[in-house]
N, C-alpha and C. Protein backbone atom coordinates (compact mmCIF):
# COMPACT_ATOMS: atom_id res chain seq x y z
N MET A 1 106.54 97.86 116.34
CA MET A 1 105.82 99.06 116.01
C MET A 1 106.53 99.78 114.86
N THR A 2 105.82 100.02 113.78
CA THR A 2 106.38 100.76 112.64
C THR A 2 105.80 102.17 112.64
N LEU A 3 106.68 103.16 112.54
CA LEU A 3 106.26 104.55 112.50
C LEU A 3 106.30 105.06 111.06
N ASN A 4 105.14 105.35 110.50
CA ASN A 4 105.11 106.01 109.20
C ASN A 4 105.58 107.43 109.43
N THR A 5 106.56 107.86 108.64
CA THR A 5 107.28 109.10 108.91
C THR A 5 107.35 109.99 107.68
N PHE A 6 107.22 111.29 107.92
CA PHE A 6 107.35 112.29 106.86
C PHE A 6 108.43 113.27 107.27
N ILE A 7 109.28 113.66 106.31
CA ILE A 7 110.35 114.61 106.60
C ILE A 7 110.22 115.83 105.70
N ALA A 8 110.65 116.99 106.21
CA ALA A 8 110.63 118.21 105.40
C ALA A 8 111.78 119.12 105.80
N ASP A 9 112.48 119.60 104.79
CA ASP A 9 113.56 120.58 104.96
C ASP A 9 113.79 121.24 103.63
N ASP A 10 113.94 122.55 103.60
CA ASP A 10 114.15 123.25 102.33
C ASP A 10 115.57 123.08 101.81
N ASN A 11 116.50 122.70 102.67
CA ASN A 11 117.89 122.50 102.27
C ASN A 11 118.04 121.04 101.82
N ILE A 12 118.36 120.84 100.55
CA ILE A 12 118.43 119.49 99.99
C ILE A 12 119.48 118.64 100.71
N TYR A 13 120.58 119.25 101.15
CA TYR A 13 121.60 118.51 101.89
C TYR A 13 121.00 117.91 103.17
N TYR A 14 120.31 118.73 103.96
CA TYR A 14 119.71 118.23 105.20
C TYR A 14 118.56 117.27 104.93
N LEU A 15 117.79 117.53 103.89
CA LEU A 15 116.69 116.63 103.54
C LEU A 15 117.22 115.24 103.20
N GLU A 16 118.26 115.19 102.39
CA GLU A 16 118.85 113.89 102.03
C GLU A 16 119.51 113.23 103.24
N ARG A 17 120.10 114.02 104.12
CA ARG A 17 120.69 113.48 105.35
C ARG A 17 119.60 112.86 106.23
N LEU A 18 118.49 113.60 106.40
CA LEU A 18 117.38 113.06 107.19
C LEU A 18 116.83 111.78 106.57
N GLU A 19 116.74 111.78 105.25
CA GLU A 19 116.23 110.58 104.57
C GLU A 19 117.14 109.38 104.83
N ARG A 20 118.45 109.57 104.75
CA ARG A 20 119.38 108.48 105.04
C ARG A 20 119.23 107.99 106.48
N ILE A 21 119.12 108.94 107.40
CA ILE A 21 118.98 108.58 108.82
C ILE A 21 117.69 107.79 109.03
N VAL A 22 116.57 108.32 108.54
CA VAL A 22 115.27 107.67 108.72
C VAL A 22 115.27 106.28 108.09
N ASN A 23 115.86 106.15 106.92
CA ASN A 23 115.89 104.85 106.25
C ASN A 23 116.79 103.84 106.94
N SER A 24 117.62 104.29 107.89
CA SER A 24 118.49 103.36 108.60
C SER A 24 117.78 102.66 109.76
N PHE A 25 116.55 103.07 110.08
CA PHE A 25 115.76 102.45 111.15
C PHE A 25 114.82 101.41 110.56
N ASN A 26 114.84 100.21 111.12
CA ASN A 26 113.90 99.16 110.69
C ASN A 26 112.46 99.51 111.04
N GLU A 27 112.27 100.22 112.16
CA GLU A 27 110.92 100.50 112.64
C GLU A 27 110.30 101.76 112.05
N ILE A 28 110.97 102.38 111.07
CA ILE A 28 110.45 103.59 110.43
C ILE A 28 110.22 103.33 108.95
N ASN A 29 109.04 103.76 108.48
CA ASN A 29 108.68 103.69 107.07
C ASN A 29 108.54 105.12 106.56
N LEU A 30 109.44 105.55 105.68
CA LEU A 30 109.38 106.90 105.12
C LEU A 30 108.24 106.98 104.11
N THR A 31 107.25 107.83 104.41
CA THR A 31 106.08 107.95 103.54
C THR A 31 106.18 109.12 102.57
N GLY A 32 107.10 110.05 102.83
CA GLY A 32 107.24 111.17 101.92
C GLY A 32 108.18 112.23 102.46
N ARG A 33 108.44 113.21 101.58
CA ARG A 33 109.32 114.31 101.96
C ARG A 33 108.91 115.55 101.18
N ALA A 34 109.29 116.71 101.72
CA ALA A 34 108.95 117.97 101.08
C ALA A 34 110.06 118.98 101.34
N ARG A 35 110.08 120.03 100.48
CA ARG A 35 111.09 121.08 100.63
C ARG A 35 110.47 122.42 101.02
N ASP A 36 109.16 122.45 101.26
CA ASP A 36 108.55 123.67 101.80
C ASP A 36 107.35 123.29 102.66
N GLY A 37 106.93 124.23 103.50
CA GLY A 37 105.88 123.95 104.46
C GLY A 37 104.52 123.67 103.88
N GLU A 38 104.13 124.39 102.82
CA GLU A 38 102.82 124.15 102.21
C GLU A 38 102.73 122.75 101.63
N GLU A 39 103.76 122.36 100.91
CA GLU A 39 103.79 121.01 100.33
C GLU A 39 103.74 119.96 101.45
N ALA A 40 104.51 120.19 102.51
CA ALA A 40 104.53 119.26 103.64
C ALA A 40 103.14 119.14 104.27
N LEU A 41 102.51 120.27 104.55
CA LEU A 41 101.21 120.27 105.21
C LEU A 41 100.15 119.53 104.39
N LYS A 42 100.14 119.73 103.09
CA LYS A 42 99.18 119.03 102.24
C LYS A 42 99.33 117.52 102.36
N HIS A 43 100.57 117.05 102.24
CA HIS A 43 100.82 115.61 102.32
C HIS A 43 100.51 115.07 103.71
N ILE A 44 100.97 115.78 104.73
CA ILE A 44 100.82 115.31 106.11
C ILE A 44 99.36 115.18 106.49
N ASN A 45 98.55 116.21 106.23
CA ASN A 45 97.14 116.16 106.61
C ASN A 45 96.36 115.10 105.83
N LYS A 46 96.83 114.79 104.63
CA LYS A 46 96.18 113.74 103.83
C LYS A 46 96.57 112.34 104.30
N GLU A 47 97.87 112.13 104.47
CA GLU A 47 98.39 110.79 104.77
C GLU A 47 98.45 110.47 106.27
N LYS A 48 98.54 111.48 107.11
CA LYS A 48 98.58 111.34 108.57
C LYS A 48 99.67 110.38 109.07
N PRO A 49 100.93 110.66 108.72
CA PRO A 49 102.01 109.82 109.25
C PRO A 49 102.12 109.94 110.77
N ASP A 50 102.70 108.93 111.39
CA ASP A 50 102.85 108.88 112.85
C ASP A 50 103.89 109.85 113.37
N LEU A 51 104.94 110.07 112.59
CA LEU A 51 106.07 110.88 113.02
C LEU A 51 106.41 111.90 111.94
N LEU A 52 106.63 113.14 112.36
CA LEU A 52 107.09 114.20 111.47
C LEU A 52 108.44 114.69 111.94
N ILE A 53 109.36 114.82 110.99
CA ILE A 53 110.65 115.43 111.28
C ILE A 53 110.75 116.63 110.36
N LEU A 54 110.63 117.83 110.94
CA LEU A 54 110.48 119.05 110.16
C LEU A 54 111.56 120.07 110.49
N ASP A 55 112.04 120.73 109.45
CA ASP A 55 112.89 121.90 109.63
C ASP A 55 112.02 123.04 110.13
N VAL A 56 112.56 123.90 110.96
CA VAL A 56 111.79 125.05 111.43
C VAL A 56 111.70 126.11 110.34
N GLU A 57 112.82 126.44 109.71
CA GLU A 57 112.85 127.51 108.71
C GLU A 57 112.68 126.94 107.31
N MET A 58 111.45 127.07 106.77
CA MET A 58 111.15 126.63 105.41
C MET A 58 110.33 127.71 104.72
N PRO A 59 110.34 127.73 103.39
CA PRO A 59 109.50 128.71 102.68
C PRO A 59 108.02 128.38 102.80
N ASN A 60 107.19 129.38 102.56
CA ASN A 60 105.72 129.31 102.54
C ASN A 60 105.14 129.11 103.94
N LEU A 61 105.38 128.02 104.58
CA LEU A 61 105.03 127.80 105.98
C LEU A 61 106.26 127.26 106.67
N ASN A 62 106.59 127.79 107.86
CA ASN A 62 107.73 127.21 108.58
C ASN A 62 107.25 125.98 109.36
N GLY A 63 108.18 125.27 109.97
CA GLY A 63 107.83 124.05 110.69
C GLY A 63 106.82 124.25 111.79
N LEU A 64 106.91 125.37 112.53
CA LEU A 64 105.94 125.66 113.59
C LEU A 64 104.55 125.89 113.01
N GLU A 65 104.47 126.59 111.88
CA GLU A 65 103.18 126.82 111.24
C GLU A 65 102.58 125.52 110.73
N VAL A 66 103.42 124.63 110.22
CA VAL A 66 102.93 123.32 109.79
C VAL A 66 102.30 122.60 110.99
N VAL A 67 103.03 122.55 112.10
CA VAL A 67 102.52 121.86 113.30
C VAL A 67 101.22 122.49 113.77
N ASN A 68 101.14 123.82 113.76
CA ASN A 68 99.94 124.51 114.23
C ASN A 68 98.74 124.33 113.30
N ASN A 69 98.95 123.86 112.07
CA ASN A 69 97.87 123.67 111.11
C ASN A 69 97.54 122.21 110.84
N LEU A 70 98.02 121.31 111.67
CA LEU A 70 97.72 119.90 111.50
C LEU A 70 96.31 119.61 111.96
N ASN A 71 95.65 118.63 111.31
CA ASN A 71 94.31 118.25 111.72
C ASN A 71 94.31 116.95 112.55
N TYR A 72 95.46 116.61 113.12
CA TYR A 72 95.61 115.46 114.02
C TYR A 72 96.88 115.68 114.83
N SER A 73 97.26 114.74 115.71
CA SER A 73 98.40 114.95 116.62
C SER A 73 99.45 113.85 116.49
N PRO A 74 100.40 114.00 115.56
CA PRO A 74 101.47 113.02 115.43
C PRO A 74 102.62 113.33 116.40
N TYR A 75 103.59 112.42 116.46
CA TYR A 75 104.86 112.74 117.10
C TYR A 75 105.55 113.77 116.21
N VAL A 76 106.23 114.75 116.80
CA VAL A 76 106.89 115.78 116.01
C VAL A 76 108.30 116.01 116.54
N ILE A 77 109.26 116.00 115.62
CA ILE A 77 110.63 116.42 115.90
C ILE A 77 110.91 117.61 115.01
N LEU A 78 111.26 118.75 115.62
CA LEU A 78 111.65 119.93 114.87
C LEU A 78 113.16 120.04 114.86
N CYS A 79 113.71 120.34 113.69
CA CYS A 79 115.15 120.49 113.53
C CYS A 79 115.44 121.97 113.24
N THR A 80 116.44 122.51 113.90
CA THR A 80 116.72 123.94 113.76
C THR A 80 118.20 124.24 113.98
N GLY A 81 118.58 125.42 113.54
CA GLY A 81 119.93 125.90 113.79
C GLY A 81 120.03 126.67 115.09
N SER A 82 118.88 127.00 115.73
CA SER A 82 118.88 127.73 116.99
C SER A 82 117.61 127.41 117.77
N PHE A 83 117.58 127.78 119.05
CA PHE A 83 116.44 127.48 119.89
C PHE A 83 115.57 128.70 120.20
N TYR A 84 115.68 129.75 119.46
CA TYR A 84 114.98 130.97 119.81
C TYR A 84 113.47 130.92 119.60
N HIS A 85 112.92 129.91 118.96
CA HIS A 85 111.50 129.85 118.62
C HIS A 85 110.61 129.18 119.66
N PHE A 86 111.13 128.52 120.63
CA PHE A 86 110.41 127.41 121.22
C PHE A 86 109.80 127.61 122.59
N ASP A 87 109.53 128.82 122.98
CA ASP A 87 108.91 129.05 124.28
C ASP A 87 107.46 128.56 124.32
N GLU A 88 106.75 128.63 123.20
CA GLU A 88 105.30 128.42 123.19
C GLU A 88 104.85 127.01 122.84
N ILE A 89 105.76 126.08 122.56
CA ILE A 89 105.30 124.77 122.13
C ILE A 89 105.61 123.69 123.15
N GLU A 90 104.69 122.76 123.25
CA GLU A 90 104.85 121.60 124.11
C GLU A 90 104.64 120.35 123.26
N GLU A 91 105.01 119.22 123.81
CA GLU A 91 104.81 117.93 123.13
C GLU A 91 105.50 117.86 121.77
N VAL A 92 106.58 118.61 121.63
CA VAL A 92 107.38 118.58 120.41
C VAL A 92 108.83 118.41 120.83
N GLU A 93 109.53 117.53 120.17
CA GLU A 93 110.95 117.34 120.44
C GLU A 93 111.74 118.27 119.52
N ILE A 94 112.88 118.77 119.99
CA ILE A 94 113.67 119.72 119.21
C ILE A 94 115.11 119.21 119.13
N LEU A 95 115.66 119.25 117.91
CA LEU A 95 117.04 118.87 117.68
C LEU A 95 117.78 120.00 116.98
N LEU A 96 119.02 120.19 117.37
CA LEU A 96 119.88 121.19 116.75
C LEU A 96 120.62 120.56 115.58
N LYS A 97 120.64 121.26 114.44
CA LYS A 97 121.36 120.76 113.25
C LYS A 97 122.86 120.90 113.46
N PRO A 98 123.66 120.02 112.88
CA PRO A 98 123.29 118.87 112.08
C PRO A 98 122.81 117.72 112.98
N VAL A 99 121.71 117.13 112.60
CA VAL A 99 121.06 116.09 113.38
C VAL A 99 121.82 114.77 113.21
N LEU A 100 121.99 114.07 114.32
CA LEU A 100 122.64 112.76 114.30
C LEU A 100 121.61 111.66 114.45
N ARG A 101 121.90 110.50 113.90
CA ARG A 101 121.00 109.34 114.00
C ARG A 101 120.68 109.03 115.45
N GLU A 102 121.69 109.05 116.31
CA GLU A 102 121.52 108.72 117.71
C GLU A 102 120.54 109.68 118.39
N GLU A 103 120.56 110.95 117.98
CA GLU A 103 119.65 111.93 118.58
C GLU A 103 118.20 111.64 118.18
N ILE A 104 117.99 111.32 116.91
CA ILE A 104 116.64 110.97 116.46
C ILE A 104 116.16 109.71 117.17
N GLU A 105 117.03 108.73 117.28
CA GLU A 105 116.66 107.48 117.97
C GLU A 105 116.25 107.76 119.41
N GLU A 106 117.00 108.60 120.11
CA GLU A 106 116.68 108.94 121.49
C GLU A 106 115.33 109.67 121.58
N LYS A 107 115.08 110.61 120.69
CA LYS A 107 113.82 111.36 120.70
C LYS A 107 112.63 110.43 120.42
N ILE A 108 112.80 109.52 119.49
CA ILE A 108 111.72 108.57 119.18
C ILE A 108 111.42 107.70 120.40
N LYS A 109 112.45 107.20 121.06
CA LYS A 109 112.25 106.38 122.26
C LYS A 109 111.54 107.18 123.34
N ASN A 110 111.93 108.45 123.52
CA ASN A 110 111.28 109.31 124.52
C ASN A 110 109.80 109.51 124.19
N MET A 111 109.49 109.76 122.93
CA MET A 111 108.09 109.98 122.52
C MET A 111 107.25 108.73 122.75
N ILE A 112 107.79 107.58 122.37
CA ILE A 112 107.04 106.33 122.55
C ILE A 112 106.81 106.08 124.04
N SER A 113 107.83 106.34 124.85
CA SER A 113 107.71 106.15 126.30
C SER A 113 106.65 107.09 126.88
N LYS A 114 106.66 108.36 126.48
CA LYS A 114 105.65 109.32 126.96
C LYS A 114 104.25 108.88 126.55
N ASN A 115 104.12 108.39 125.32
CA ASN A 115 102.81 107.95 124.83
C ASN A 115 102.30 106.75 125.64
N ARG A 116 103.18 105.84 125.96
CA ARG A 116 102.78 104.67 126.76
C ARG A 116 102.31 105.11 128.14
N LYS A 117 103.00 106.09 128.74
CA LYS A 117 102.62 106.59 130.07
C LYS A 117 101.24 107.24 130.01
N LYS A 118 100.94 107.98 128.94
CA LYS A 118 99.63 108.60 128.80
C LYS A 118 98.53 107.56 128.69
N VAL A 119 98.79 106.50 127.97
CA VAL A 119 97.80 105.43 127.77
C VAL A 119 97.52 104.71 129.10
N HIS A 120 98.53 104.55 129.92
CA HIS A 120 98.38 103.79 131.17
C HIS A 120 97.86 104.63 132.33
N LYS A 121 97.73 105.93 132.19
CA LYS A 121 97.24 106.77 133.29
C LYS A 121 95.76 106.61 133.49
């Protein structure tokens, strides 16, 4: 299974770190990246990647606003420096920065497992 993946973070250091991490997985195909929420949303809704890895705090639209404005339902991993935003969202995985490869791998495995359970119910 190959996951077409899009990443977004306004901090170039974290964006490049995410890109290196994503590119280290054989089962992930990086389809694009963005440094703000509006740019991310335009690309995501057009290309419809399977997995999104988004920073919460970005200019124009934050990661939560991007997720709330999607016209489909991909896997989503939100990356943040704190957990104060997340009472209202479900079906989204959350990672605390700095994100490690092992954490992304674990979240992807969890999402795939949850999806398989939904299909078999």
